[in-house]
N, C-alpha and C. Protein backbone atom coordinates (compact mmCIF):
# COMPACT_ATOMS: atom_id res chain seq x y z
N MET A 1 0.85 -1.19 0.00
CA MET A 1 0.00 0.00 0.00
C MET A 1 0.89 1.25 0.00
N SER A 2 0.58 2.16 -0.93
CA SER A 2 1.38 3.37 -1.04
C SER A 2 1.09 4.31 0.12
N LEU A 3 1.96 5.31 0.28
CA LEU A 3 1.76 6.30 1.34
C LEU A 3 0.43 7.02 1.14
N ARG A 4 0.10 7.36 -0.09
CA ARG A 4 -1.17 8.06 -0.38
C ARG A 4 -2.36 7.21 0.01
N GLU A 5 -2.30 5.91 -0.31
CA GLU A 5 -3.40 5.01 0.04
C GLU A 5 -3.53 4.86 1.54
N ARG A 6 -2.40 4.79 2.25
CA ARG A 6 -2.44 4.69 3.71
C ARG A 6 -3.07 5.93 4.33
N LYS A 7 -2.71 7.10 3.80
CA LYS A 7 -3.28 8.34 4.32
C LYS A 7 -4.79 8.40 4.08
N LYS A 8 -5.22 7.93 2.92
CA LYS A 8 -6.66 7.92 2.62
C LYS A 8 -7.39 6.98 3.58
N LEU A 9 -6.78 5.82 3.83
CA LEU A 9 -7.39 4.85 4.75
C LEU A 9 -7.47 5.42 6.15
N GLU A 10 -6.40 6.11 6.59
CA GLU A 10 -6.38 6.72 7.91
C GLU A 10 -7.44 7.81 8.03
N THR A 11 -7.60 8.60 6.98
CA THR A 11 -8.62 9.65 6.99
C THR A 11 -10.01 9.06 7.08
N LYS A 12 -10.26 8.03 6.30
CA LYS A 12 -11.57 7.38 6.33
C LYS A 12 -11.87 6.81 7.71
N ARG A 13 -10.87 6.15 8.30
CA ARG A 13 -11.05 5.56 9.63
C ARG A 13 -11.29 6.65 10.67
N HIS A 14 -10.55 7.75 10.57
CA HIS A 14 -10.70 8.86 11.51
C HIS A 14 -12.11 9.45 11.44
N ILE A 15 -12.60 9.68 10.23
CA ILE A 15 -13.95 10.24 10.06
C ILE A 15 -14.99 9.31 10.67
N ALA A 16 -14.86 8.02 10.40
CA ALA A 16 -15.83 7.05 10.91
C ALA A 16 -15.81 6.99 12.43
N GLU A 17 -14.62 7.04 13.02
CA GLU A 17 -14.51 6.99 14.49
C GLU A 17 -15.11 8.23 15.13
N VAL A 18 -14.86 9.39 14.55
CA VAL A 18 -15.42 10.64 15.08
C VAL A 18 -16.94 10.61 14.95
N ALA A 19 -17.43 10.17 13.79
CA ALA A 19 -18.88 10.12 13.56
C ALA A 19 -19.55 9.17 14.55
N LEU A 20 -18.97 8.01 14.75
CA LEU A 20 -19.57 7.04 15.65
C LEU A 20 -19.64 7.58 17.07
N ARG A 21 -18.59 8.28 17.49
CA ARG A 21 -18.60 8.86 18.84
C ARG A 21 -19.73 9.87 18.98
N LEU A 22 -19.90 10.71 17.98
CA LEU A 22 -20.97 11.71 18.03
C LEU A 22 -22.34 11.03 18.00
N PHE A 23 -22.49 10.02 17.16
CA PHE A 23 -23.79 9.33 17.05
C PHE A 23 -24.18 8.67 18.38
N VAL A 24 -23.21 8.03 19.02
CA VAL A 24 -23.48 7.36 20.29
C VAL A 24 -23.81 8.37 21.38
N GLU A 25 -23.10 9.48 21.38
CA GLU A 25 -23.32 10.50 22.41
C GLU A 25 -24.65 11.21 22.25
N ARG A 26 -25.03 11.54 21.01
CA ARG A 26 -26.19 12.41 20.78
C ARG A 26 -27.34 11.76 20.02
N GLY A 27 -27.09 10.60 19.40
CA GLY A 27 -28.12 9.97 18.59
C GLY A 27 -27.85 10.18 17.11
N PHE A 28 -28.09 9.16 16.32
CA PHE A 28 -27.77 9.21 14.90
C PHE A 28 -28.50 10.34 14.18
N ASP A 29 -29.80 10.47 14.44
CA ASP A 29 -30.60 11.46 13.73
C ASP A 29 -30.34 12.89 14.19
N GLN A 30 -29.67 13.05 15.33
CA GLN A 30 -29.43 14.38 15.87
C GLN A 30 -28.09 14.98 15.41
N VAL A 31 -27.31 14.21 14.67
CA VAL A 31 -26.00 14.68 14.21
C VAL A 31 -26.01 14.83 12.69
N THR A 32 -25.55 15.96 12.20
CA THR A 32 -25.50 16.19 10.76
C THR A 32 -24.13 15.85 10.20
N ILE A 33 -24.06 15.67 8.90
CA ILE A 33 -22.78 15.43 8.23
C ILE A 33 -21.86 16.64 8.43
N ALA A 34 -22.41 17.84 8.41
CA ALA A 34 -21.60 19.04 8.63
C ALA A 34 -20.94 19.01 10.01
N GLU A 35 -21.67 18.53 11.01
CA GLU A 35 -21.11 18.44 12.36
C GLU A 35 -20.03 17.38 12.43
N VAL A 36 -20.23 16.27 11.72
CA VAL A 36 -19.20 15.23 11.66
C VAL A 36 -17.94 15.80 11.02
N ALA A 37 -18.11 16.51 9.91
CA ALA A 37 -16.96 17.09 9.21
C ALA A 37 -16.21 18.07 10.10
N ALA A 38 -16.93 18.91 10.82
CA ALA A 38 -16.29 19.89 11.69
C ALA A 38 -15.51 19.20 12.81
N ALA A 39 -16.11 18.18 13.41
CA ALA A 39 -15.45 17.48 14.51
C ALA A 39 -14.22 16.71 14.02
N ALA A 40 -14.28 16.22 12.78
CA ALA A 40 -13.15 15.47 12.22
C ALA A 40 -12.12 16.38 11.56
N ASP A 41 -12.43 17.69 11.51
CA ASP A 41 -11.55 18.68 10.91
C ASP A 41 -11.30 18.41 9.43
N VAL A 42 -12.40 18.08 8.73
CA VAL A 42 -12.35 17.90 7.27
C VAL A 42 -13.54 18.63 6.67
N SER A 43 -13.59 18.73 5.36
CA SER A 43 -14.72 19.37 4.70
C SER A 43 -15.89 18.39 4.56
N VAL A 44 -17.07 18.95 4.34
CA VAL A 44 -18.25 18.10 4.09
C VAL A 44 -18.03 17.26 2.84
N ASN A 45 -17.44 17.86 1.81
CA ASN A 45 -17.17 17.11 0.58
C ASN A 45 -16.24 15.93 0.83
N THR A 46 -15.29 16.11 1.73
CA THR A 46 -14.37 15.01 2.05
C THR A 46 -15.13 13.84 2.68
N VAL A 47 -16.06 14.14 3.58
CA VAL A 47 -16.86 13.08 4.18
C VAL A 47 -17.62 12.31 3.10
N TYR A 48 -18.24 13.04 2.18
CA TYR A 48 -19.01 12.39 1.12
C TYR A 48 -18.12 11.66 0.11
N ASN A 49 -16.86 12.06 0.01
CA ASN A 49 -15.95 11.33 -0.87
C ASN A 49 -15.70 9.91 -0.37
N TYR A 50 -15.76 9.74 0.96
CA TYR A 50 -15.52 8.43 1.55
C TYR A 50 -16.80 7.67 1.88
N PHE A 51 -17.87 8.40 2.15
CA PHE A 51 -19.13 7.78 2.57
C PHE A 51 -20.28 8.39 1.76
N LYS A 52 -20.88 7.58 0.91
CA LYS A 52 -21.91 8.10 0.00
C LYS A 52 -23.14 8.60 0.74
N VAL A 53 -23.54 7.87 1.79
CA VAL A 53 -24.69 8.27 2.59
C VAL A 53 -24.31 8.21 4.06
N LYS A 54 -25.07 8.88 4.87
CA LYS A 54 -24.76 8.98 6.30
C LYS A 54 -24.69 7.60 6.96
N GLU A 55 -25.58 6.69 6.56
CA GLU A 55 -25.61 5.35 7.18
C GLU A 55 -24.31 4.58 6.96
N ASP A 56 -23.58 4.89 5.87
CA ASP A 56 -22.32 4.20 5.60
C ASP A 56 -21.27 4.47 6.68
N LEU A 57 -21.43 5.58 7.40
CA LEU A 57 -20.50 5.89 8.48
C LEU A 57 -20.61 4.88 9.62
N VAL A 58 -21.76 4.24 9.73
CA VAL A 58 -22.01 3.29 10.82
C VAL A 58 -21.94 1.84 10.33
N ILE A 59 -22.60 1.59 9.20
CA ILE A 59 -22.67 0.23 8.68
C ILE A 59 -22.18 0.22 7.24
N PRO A 60 -20.92 -0.14 7.01
CA PRO A 60 -20.37 -0.13 5.65
C PRO A 60 -21.14 -1.08 4.73
N PRO A 61 -21.41 -0.69 3.49
CA PRO A 61 -22.16 -1.55 2.57
C PRO A 61 -21.46 -2.86 2.24
N VAL A 62 -20.14 -2.91 2.35
CA VAL A 62 -19.42 -4.13 2.01
C VAL A 62 -19.64 -5.24 3.03
N SER A 63 -20.21 -4.92 4.18
CA SER A 63 -20.40 -5.91 5.23
C SER A 63 -21.28 -7.08 4.79
N ARG A 64 -22.12 -6.88 3.78
CA ARG A 64 -23.05 -7.92 3.35
C ARG A 64 -22.35 -9.16 2.82
N ASP A 65 -21.07 -9.05 2.45
CA ASP A 65 -20.34 -10.18 1.89
C ASP A 65 -19.62 -11.00 2.96
N ARG A 66 -19.79 -10.64 4.21
CA ARG A 66 -19.00 -11.26 5.29
C ARG A 66 -19.10 -12.78 5.32
N LEU A 67 -20.31 -13.33 5.40
CA LEU A 67 -20.46 -14.78 5.52
C LEU A 67 -20.02 -15.49 4.24
N ALA A 68 -20.37 -14.92 3.09
CA ALA A 68 -19.97 -15.52 1.83
C ALA A 68 -18.45 -15.55 1.70
N ALA A 69 -17.79 -14.48 2.14
CA ALA A 69 -16.33 -14.42 2.06
C ALA A 69 -15.68 -15.46 2.97
N ILE A 70 -16.26 -15.68 4.13
CA ILE A 70 -15.74 -16.70 5.05
C ILE A 70 -15.81 -18.07 4.39
N VAL A 71 -16.93 -18.35 3.75
CA VAL A 71 -17.12 -19.66 3.13
C VAL A 71 -16.23 -19.81 1.90
N ARG A 72 -16.11 -18.76 1.09
CA ARG A 72 -15.24 -18.84 -0.08
C ARG A 72 -13.80 -19.09 0.32
N GLY A 73 -13.39 -18.56 1.48
CA GLY A 73 -12.00 -18.68 1.90
C GLY A 73 -11.71 -19.88 2.78
N ARG A 74 -12.68 -20.78 2.95
CA ARG A 74 -12.46 -21.92 3.85
C ARG A 74 -11.42 -22.88 3.27
N PRO A 75 -10.69 -23.56 4.13
CA PRO A 75 -9.65 -24.49 3.65
C PRO A 75 -10.24 -25.82 3.20
N ALA A 76 -9.43 -26.62 2.56
CA ALA A 76 -9.85 -27.96 2.15
C ALA A 76 -10.25 -28.76 3.39
N GLY A 77 -11.32 -29.53 3.26
CA GLY A 77 -11.80 -30.36 4.35
C GLY A 77 -12.77 -29.67 5.27
N SER A 78 -12.99 -28.37 5.07
CA SER A 78 -13.91 -27.62 5.92
C SER A 78 -15.26 -27.43 5.25
N SER A 79 -16.32 -27.52 6.04
CA SER A 79 -17.66 -27.27 5.52
C SER A 79 -17.99 -25.79 5.68
N ALA A 80 -19.11 -25.37 5.08
CA ALA A 80 -19.53 -23.96 5.22
C ALA A 80 -19.78 -23.64 6.69
N ALA A 81 -20.53 -24.51 7.37
CA ALA A 81 -20.82 -24.28 8.79
C ALA A 81 -19.55 -24.29 9.62
N GLY A 82 -18.66 -25.23 9.31
CA GLY A 82 -17.41 -25.33 10.05
C GLY A 82 -16.58 -24.06 9.94
N ALA A 83 -16.56 -23.48 8.72
CA ALA A 83 -15.78 -22.26 8.51
C ALA A 83 -16.36 -21.08 9.28
N ILE A 84 -17.68 -20.95 9.27
CA ILE A 84 -18.32 -19.84 9.97
C ILE A 84 -18.19 -19.99 11.48
N LEU A 85 -18.41 -21.19 11.98
CA LEU A 85 -18.26 -21.43 13.41
C LEU A 85 -16.83 -21.20 13.87
N ALA A 86 -15.87 -21.64 13.07
CA ALA A 86 -14.46 -21.45 13.43
C ALA A 86 -14.09 -19.97 13.45
N THR A 87 -14.61 -19.21 12.49
CA THR A 87 -14.33 -17.77 12.44
C THR A 87 -14.91 -17.06 13.65
N LEU A 88 -16.15 -17.38 13.99
CA LEU A 88 -16.78 -16.77 15.15
C LEU A 88 -16.02 -17.10 16.43
N ARG A 89 -15.60 -18.34 16.57
CA ARG A 89 -14.85 -18.73 17.77
C ARG A 89 -13.53 -17.98 17.85
N ASP A 90 -12.85 -17.88 16.71
CA ASP A 90 -11.57 -17.17 16.68
C ASP A 90 -11.76 -15.71 17.07
N GLU A 91 -12.80 -15.07 16.54
CA GLU A 91 -13.06 -13.66 16.86
C GLU A 91 -13.42 -13.48 18.33
N LEU A 92 -14.17 -14.43 18.87
CA LEU A 92 -14.52 -14.35 20.29
C LEU A 92 -13.29 -14.53 21.18
N ARG A 93 -12.45 -15.49 20.83
CA ARG A 93 -11.25 -15.72 21.63
C ARG A 93 -10.28 -14.55 21.58
N ARG A 94 -10.25 -13.86 20.42
CA ARG A 94 -9.36 -12.70 20.28
C ARG A 94 -9.99 -11.41 20.80
N ARG A 95 -11.23 -11.52 21.29
CA ARG A 95 -11.96 -10.34 21.75
C ARG A 95 -12.00 -9.29 20.63
N ASP A 96 -12.35 -9.75 19.43
CA ASP A 96 -12.29 -8.91 18.24
C ASP A 96 -13.30 -7.76 18.31
N ARG A 97 -12.82 -6.55 18.05
CA ARG A 97 -13.69 -5.37 18.07
C ARG A 97 -14.74 -5.43 16.95
N SER A 98 -14.44 -6.13 15.85
CA SER A 98 -15.35 -6.14 14.71
C SER A 98 -16.69 -6.80 15.02
N ILE A 99 -16.75 -7.62 16.06
CA ILE A 99 -18.03 -8.23 16.44
C ILE A 99 -18.59 -7.61 17.72
N GLY A 100 -18.05 -6.47 18.10
CA GLY A 100 -18.64 -5.72 19.20
C GLY A 100 -18.07 -5.98 20.57
N LEU A 101 -16.91 -6.63 20.65
CA LEU A 101 -16.35 -6.91 21.98
C LEU A 101 -15.56 -5.70 22.49
N THR A 102 -16.31 -4.63 22.72
CA THR A 102 -15.76 -3.40 23.27
C THR A 102 -16.71 -2.90 24.36
N GLU A 103 -16.21 -2.04 25.20
CA GLU A 103 -17.01 -1.53 26.31
C GLU A 103 -18.24 -0.76 25.83
N GLY A 104 -18.13 -0.09 24.67
CA GLY A 104 -19.22 0.76 24.22
C GLY A 104 -20.21 0.13 23.26
N PHE A 105 -20.10 -1.18 23.02
CA PHE A 105 -20.96 -1.79 22.01
C PHE A 105 -22.44 -1.73 22.37
N GLY A 106 -22.73 -1.84 23.65
CA GLY A 106 -24.13 -1.78 24.07
C GLY A 106 -24.77 -0.44 23.71
N ARG A 107 -24.01 0.64 23.89
CA ARG A 107 -24.53 1.97 23.54
C ARG A 107 -24.69 2.09 22.03
N PHE A 108 -23.79 1.46 21.28
CA PHE A 108 -23.92 1.47 19.82
C PHE A 108 -25.21 0.78 19.39
N VAL A 109 -25.50 -0.37 19.99
CA VAL A 109 -26.72 -1.11 19.65
C VAL A 109 -27.95 -0.27 19.96
N GLU A 110 -27.95 0.38 21.12
CA GLU A 110 -29.08 1.23 21.49
C GLU A 110 -29.25 2.37 20.50
N MET A 111 -28.15 2.99 20.09
CA MET A 111 -28.20 4.08 19.12
C MET A 111 -28.76 3.60 17.78
N ALA A 112 -28.28 2.45 17.32
CA ALA A 112 -28.73 1.92 16.03
C ALA A 112 -30.21 1.57 16.05
N ARG A 113 -30.66 0.99 17.15
CA ARG A 113 -32.07 0.62 17.25
C ARG A 113 -32.99 1.83 17.30
N ALA A 114 -32.46 2.94 17.82
CA ALA A 114 -33.29 4.15 17.95
C ALA A 114 -33.41 4.92 16.64
N ALA A 115 -32.58 4.58 15.66
CA ALA A 115 -32.62 5.28 14.36
C ALA A 115 -33.30 4.38 13.32
N PRO A 116 -34.48 4.76 12.83
CA PRO A 116 -35.22 3.91 11.87
C PRO A 116 -34.40 3.51 10.64
N THR A 117 -33.62 4.44 10.09
CA THR A 117 -32.87 4.10 8.88
C THR A 117 -31.76 3.09 9.17
N LEU A 118 -31.15 3.18 10.36
CA LEU A 118 -30.11 2.21 10.72
C LEU A 118 -30.72 0.85 11.04
N SER A 119 -31.86 0.85 11.72
CA SER A 119 -32.54 -0.41 12.01
C SER A 119 -32.91 -1.13 10.72
N ALA A 120 -33.40 -0.36 9.75
CA ALA A 120 -33.77 -0.94 8.46
C ALA A 120 -32.55 -1.48 7.73
N ARG A 121 -31.44 -0.74 7.82
CA ARG A 121 -30.22 -1.20 7.15
C ARG A 121 -29.68 -2.46 7.80
N LEU A 122 -29.74 -2.54 9.12
CA LEU A 122 -29.28 -3.75 9.81
C LEU A 122 -30.11 -4.97 9.40
N ALA A 123 -31.44 -4.77 9.33
CA ALA A 123 -32.32 -5.87 8.91
C ALA A 123 -32.02 -6.27 7.47
N GLY A 124 -31.84 -5.27 6.62
CA GLY A 124 -31.53 -5.55 5.23
C GLY A 124 -30.18 -6.22 5.06
N LEU A 125 -29.21 -5.79 5.88
CA LEU A 125 -27.88 -6.36 5.83
C LEU A 125 -27.91 -7.84 6.17
N ALA A 126 -28.68 -8.21 7.18
CA ALA A 126 -28.79 -9.61 7.57
C ALA A 126 -29.35 -10.45 6.42
N GLU A 127 -30.37 -9.91 5.73
CA GLU A 127 -30.96 -10.63 4.59
C GLU A 127 -29.96 -10.75 3.45
N GLN A 128 -29.22 -9.67 3.20
CA GLN A 128 -28.24 -9.69 2.11
C GLN A 128 -27.12 -10.69 2.40
N MET A 129 -26.69 -10.78 3.66
CA MET A 129 -25.67 -11.75 4.02
C MET A 129 -26.12 -13.17 3.70
N VAL A 130 -27.38 -13.46 4.06
CA VAL A 130 -27.92 -14.79 3.80
C VAL A 130 -28.04 -15.04 2.30
N ASP A 131 -28.51 -14.05 1.56
CA ASP A 131 -28.65 -14.21 0.11
C ASP A 131 -27.31 -14.45 -0.56
N GLU A 132 -26.29 -13.68 -0.17
CA GLU A 132 -24.96 -13.87 -0.75
C GLU A 132 -24.40 -15.24 -0.40
N LEU A 133 -24.60 -15.67 0.83
CA LEU A 133 -24.13 -16.98 1.26
C LEU A 133 -24.84 -18.08 0.49
N ALA A 134 -26.15 -17.95 0.32
CA ALA A 134 -26.92 -18.96 -0.42
C ALA A 134 -26.42 -19.07 -1.86
N ARG A 135 -26.07 -17.93 -2.45
CA ARG A 135 -25.58 -17.95 -3.83
C ARG A 135 -24.26 -18.72 -3.92
N VAL A 136 -23.35 -18.48 -2.97
CA VAL A 136 -22.07 -19.19 -2.97
C VAL A 136 -22.27 -20.68 -2.74
N LEU A 137 -23.16 -21.04 -1.82
CA LEU A 137 -23.42 -22.46 -1.55
C LEU A 137 -24.01 -23.15 -2.77
N ALA A 138 -24.90 -22.47 -3.46
CA ALA A 138 -25.52 -23.05 -4.65
C ALA A 138 -24.48 -23.27 -5.75
N GLU A 139 -23.59 -22.31 -5.92
CA GLU A 139 -22.56 -22.41 -6.94
C GLU A 139 -21.58 -23.54 -6.63
N GLU A 140 -21.09 -23.58 -5.41
CA GLU A 140 -20.08 -24.57 -5.05
C GLU A 140 -20.66 -25.97 -4.93
N GLY A 141 -21.93 -26.05 -4.52
CA GLY A 141 -22.55 -27.36 -4.36
C GLY A 141 -23.17 -27.91 -5.62
N GLY A 142 -23.17 -27.09 -6.68
CA GLY A 142 -23.78 -27.54 -7.92
C GLY A 142 -25.26 -27.84 -7.77
N ALA A 143 -25.96 -27.03 -6.96
CA ALA A 143 -27.38 -27.28 -6.72
C ALA A 143 -28.19 -27.07 -7.99
N GLU A 144 -29.20 -27.92 -8.17
CA GLU A 144 -30.09 -27.80 -9.32
C GLU A 144 -30.99 -26.59 -9.13
N PRO A 145 -31.43 -25.97 -10.23
CA PRO A 145 -32.37 -24.84 -10.11
C PRO A 145 -33.62 -25.26 -9.34
N GLY A 146 -34.01 -24.43 -8.38
CA GLY A 146 -35.19 -24.75 -7.59
C GLY A 146 -34.90 -25.54 -6.33
N ASP A 147 -33.65 -26.00 -6.16
CA ASP A 147 -33.28 -26.74 -4.95
C ASP A 147 -33.21 -25.74 -3.79
N PRO A 148 -34.02 -25.92 -2.74
CA PRO A 148 -34.04 -24.95 -1.64
C PRO A 148 -32.92 -25.15 -0.62
N THR A 149 -32.15 -26.23 -0.76
CA THR A 149 -31.16 -26.56 0.27
C THR A 149 -30.14 -25.44 0.54
N PRO A 150 -29.51 -24.86 -0.50
CA PRO A 150 -28.54 -23.80 -0.20
C PRO A 150 -29.14 -22.64 0.58
N SER A 151 -30.35 -22.24 0.22
CA SER A 151 -30.99 -21.12 0.92
C SER A 151 -31.33 -21.48 2.35
N LEU A 152 -31.81 -22.70 2.56
CA LEU A 152 -32.19 -23.13 3.91
C LEU A 152 -30.96 -23.25 4.81
N VAL A 153 -29.87 -23.78 4.27
CA VAL A 153 -28.63 -23.86 5.05
C VAL A 153 -28.12 -22.46 5.36
N ALA A 154 -28.16 -21.58 4.36
CA ALA A 154 -27.70 -20.21 4.56
C ALA A 154 -28.52 -19.49 5.62
N GLU A 155 -29.82 -19.72 5.63
CA GLU A 155 -30.67 -19.07 6.64
C GLU A 155 -30.31 -19.53 8.04
N GLN A 156 -30.01 -20.82 8.20
CA GLN A 156 -29.64 -21.32 9.53
C GLN A 156 -28.29 -20.76 9.98
N LEU A 157 -27.33 -20.69 9.06
CA LEU A 157 -26.03 -20.15 9.42
C LEU A 157 -26.10 -18.64 9.64
N GLY A 158 -26.96 -17.97 8.89
CA GLY A 158 -27.18 -16.54 9.11
C GLY A 158 -27.77 -16.29 10.48
N TRP A 159 -28.67 -17.18 10.91
CA TRP A 159 -29.26 -17.03 12.25
C TRP A 159 -28.19 -17.19 13.32
N VAL A 160 -27.29 -18.16 13.14
CA VAL A 160 -26.22 -18.37 14.12
C VAL A 160 -25.39 -17.10 14.26
N HIS A 161 -25.01 -16.53 13.13
CA HIS A 161 -24.20 -15.30 13.14
C HIS A 161 -24.94 -14.15 13.82
N ALA A 162 -26.21 -13.96 13.45
CA ALA A 162 -27.01 -12.87 14.04
C ALA A 162 -27.21 -13.09 15.53
N HIS A 163 -27.41 -14.33 15.94
CA HIS A 163 -27.63 -14.62 17.36
C HIS A 163 -26.39 -14.27 18.18
N VAL A 164 -25.22 -14.60 17.66
CA VAL A 164 -23.97 -14.28 18.38
C VAL A 164 -23.85 -12.77 18.58
N LEU A 165 -24.13 -12.00 17.53
CA LEU A 165 -24.04 -10.54 17.65
C LEU A 165 -25.08 -9.99 18.62
N ARG A 166 -26.29 -10.54 18.58
CA ARG A 166 -27.33 -10.09 19.52
C ARG A 166 -26.93 -10.41 20.96
N GLU A 167 -26.34 -11.57 21.17
CA GLU A 167 -25.94 -11.98 22.52
C GLU A 167 -24.84 -11.05 23.04
N ILE A 168 -23.90 -10.70 22.18
CA ILE A 168 -22.85 -9.78 22.57
C ILE A 168 -23.44 -8.42 22.94
N GLY A 169 -24.36 -7.94 22.10
CA GLY A 169 -25.00 -6.65 22.36
C GLY A 169 -25.80 -6.66 23.65
N ARG A 170 -26.54 -7.74 23.90
CA ARG A 170 -27.36 -7.83 25.12
C ARG A 170 -26.48 -7.82 26.36
N ARG A 171 -25.43 -8.63 26.36
CA ARG A 171 -24.56 -8.73 27.53
C ARG A 171 -23.77 -7.44 27.76
N THR A 172 -23.39 -6.77 26.65
CA THR A 172 -22.69 -5.50 26.80
C THR A 172 -23.61 -4.46 27.43
N ALA A 173 -24.87 -4.44 26.99
CA ALA A 173 -25.84 -3.49 27.55
C ALA A 173 -26.07 -3.74 29.03
N GLU A 174 -25.89 -4.98 29.47
CA GLU A 174 -26.06 -5.33 30.88
C GLU A 174 -24.84 -4.93 31.71
N GLY A 175 -23.76 -4.50 31.04
CA GLY A 175 -22.57 -4.07 31.76
C GLY A 175 -21.51 -5.13 31.94
N GLN A 176 -21.64 -6.27 31.28
CA GLN A 176 -20.63 -7.30 31.39
C GLN A 176 -19.37 -6.88 30.62
N ASP A 177 -18.21 -7.32 31.12
CA ASP A 177 -16.97 -6.94 30.44
C ASP A 177 -16.71 -7.87 29.26
N PRO A 178 -15.94 -7.42 28.26
CA PRO A 178 -15.72 -8.20 27.04
C PRO A 178 -15.21 -9.62 27.26
N SER A 179 -14.34 -9.82 28.25
CA SER A 179 -13.81 -11.17 28.49
C SER A 179 -14.92 -12.12 28.95
N ALA A 180 -15.76 -11.67 29.86
CA ALA A 180 -16.87 -12.49 30.34
C ALA A 180 -17.87 -12.76 29.22
N ILE A 181 -18.10 -11.74 28.39
CA ILE A 181 -19.03 -11.89 27.27
C ILE A 181 -18.50 -12.93 26.30
N ALA A 182 -17.21 -12.85 25.97
CA ALA A 182 -16.62 -13.79 25.04
C ALA A 182 -16.72 -15.23 25.55
N THR A 183 -16.42 -15.42 26.83
CA THR A 183 -16.48 -16.76 27.42
C THR A 183 -17.89 -17.32 27.38
N ALA A 184 -18.87 -16.51 27.77
CA ALA A 184 -20.26 -16.97 27.80
C ALA A 184 -20.77 -17.25 26.38
N THR A 185 -20.38 -16.42 25.43
CA THR A 185 -20.86 -16.59 24.06
C THR A 185 -20.20 -17.80 23.40
N LEU A 186 -18.97 -18.08 23.75
CA LEU A 186 -18.33 -19.30 23.25
C LEU A 186 -19.08 -20.54 23.73
N GLU A 187 -19.48 -20.53 25.00
CA GLU A 187 -20.25 -21.66 25.53
C GLU A 187 -21.59 -21.79 24.81
N ARG A 188 -22.22 -20.66 24.53
CA ARG A 188 -23.49 -20.68 23.82
C ARG A 188 -23.31 -21.20 22.40
N LEU A 189 -22.21 -20.83 21.78
CA LEU A 189 -21.93 -21.29 20.42
C LEU A 189 -21.75 -22.81 20.40
N ASP A 190 -21.13 -23.36 21.43
CA ASP A 190 -21.00 -24.83 21.54
C ASP A 190 -22.38 -25.48 21.60
N THR A 191 -23.29 -24.88 22.36
CA THR A 191 -24.65 -25.41 22.47
C THR A 191 -25.36 -25.33 21.13
N ILE A 192 -25.23 -24.21 20.45
CA ILE A 192 -25.86 -24.04 19.14
C ILE A 192 -25.36 -25.11 18.17
N GLU A 193 -24.04 -25.33 18.14
CA GLU A 193 -23.49 -26.33 17.23
C GLU A 193 -24.04 -27.71 17.52
N SER A 194 -24.22 -28.03 18.80
CA SER A 194 -24.74 -29.36 19.17
C SER A 194 -26.18 -29.55 18.73
N LEU A 195 -26.89 -28.45 18.48
CA LEU A 195 -28.29 -28.53 18.08
C LEU A 195 -28.47 -28.54 16.56
N LEU A 196 -27.43 -28.18 15.83
CA LEU A 196 -27.52 -28.19 14.38
C LEU A 196 -27.44 -29.63 13.86
N GLY A 197 -28.19 -29.91 12.82
CA GLY A 197 -28.20 -31.25 12.25
C GLY A 197 -26.92 -31.55 11.49
N ALA A 198 -26.65 -32.84 11.33
CA ALA A 198 -25.43 -33.27 10.65
C ALA A 198 -25.36 -32.76 9.21
N ARG A 199 -26.52 -32.68 8.55
CA ARG A 199 -26.50 -32.24 7.15
C ARG A 199 -26.08 -30.77 7.04
N VAL A 200 -26.53 -29.95 7.98
CA VAL A 200 -26.12 -28.55 7.97
C VAL A 200 -24.63 -28.43 8.29
N LEU A 201 -24.17 -29.18 9.27
CA LEU A 201 -22.78 -29.10 9.70
C LEU A 201 -21.80 -29.60 8.64
N THR A 202 -22.25 -30.49 7.78
CA THR A 202 -21.34 -31.06 6.76
C THR A 202 -21.61 -30.52 5.36
N TYR A 203 -22.61 -29.66 5.21
CA TYR A 203 -22.98 -29.19 3.88
C TYR A 203 -21.84 -28.37 3.26
N ALA A 204 -21.62 -28.61 1.97
CA ALA A 204 -20.58 -27.90 1.21
C ALA A 204 -19.20 -28.08 1.84
N THR A 205 -18.88 -29.33 2.21
CA THR A 205 -17.52 -29.60 2.69
C THR A 205 -16.58 -29.60 1.50
N ARG A 206 -15.56 -28.81 1.58
CA ARG A 206 -14.62 -28.68 0.46
C ARG A 206 -13.75 -29.92 0.38
N ASP A 207 -13.59 -30.42 -0.83
CA ASP A 207 -12.80 -31.64 -1.09
C ASP A 207 -11.39 -31.49 -0.50
N SER A 208 -10.93 -32.56 0.12
CA SER A 208 -9.61 -32.51 0.77
C SER A 208 -8.48 -32.31 -0.24
N ALA A 209 -8.77 -32.61 -1.53
CA ALA A 209 -7.74 -32.44 -2.56
C ALA A 209 -7.79 -31.05 -3.19
N TRP A 210 -8.71 -30.19 -2.70
CA TRP A 210 -8.89 -28.86 -3.28
C TRP A 210 -7.66 -28.00 -3.03
N THR A 211 -7.28 -27.23 -4.05
CA THR A 211 -6.21 -26.25 -3.89
C THR A 211 -6.69 -24.92 -4.43
N PRO A 212 -6.26 -23.81 -3.83
CA PRO A 212 -6.71 -22.48 -4.29
C PRO A 212 -6.29 -22.24 -5.72
N THR A 213 -7.11 -21.52 -6.47
CA THR A 213 -6.77 -21.13 -7.84
C THR A 213 -6.41 -19.67 -7.86
N GLU A 214 -5.59 -19.30 -8.77
CA GLU A 214 -5.16 -17.90 -8.90
C GLU A 214 -6.31 -17.05 -9.45
């Protein structure tokens, strides 16, 4: 990455962090883009250069590919469910900020729920994640047209992912610390896995002889 690209990435991250702080403190609908720009010490045009709409400051549009990307990147011998469960466990063990294991995540959830446009985007994002995952499963599994299996498996795995995030948000709102939340959620994830059927857990297992293509 060039110096110019690094500076652009740092600017984008700075704007998003400033915006999120303001949104959590005052509410999403109560903060304008002009106020975000002023607090971040950039122009309004600069904010819009990085974020097309205000909601992108909170929920990036690329997030919809998360589950599909996990499955596409799974190693040989791993199933779709196995890859997603392994990723969630790794993120929980690392206390990853990307899944909300921070002190302020509970306030973020409250802020997002209080803003109709953010609530709608979160609901839409969950559906898009499942749709993208179903498409990848159908392609890799060679499913026949009209076969509901990829979509049904994707919906179950999407529920697992959404449940983990909801559990983190709920426990954070209760004041639990990230380490305790991670431990409790890992235990819950073990229970969830034990309740999933064998067909879901083994669906789209990548051939052990598979090698990545360029």
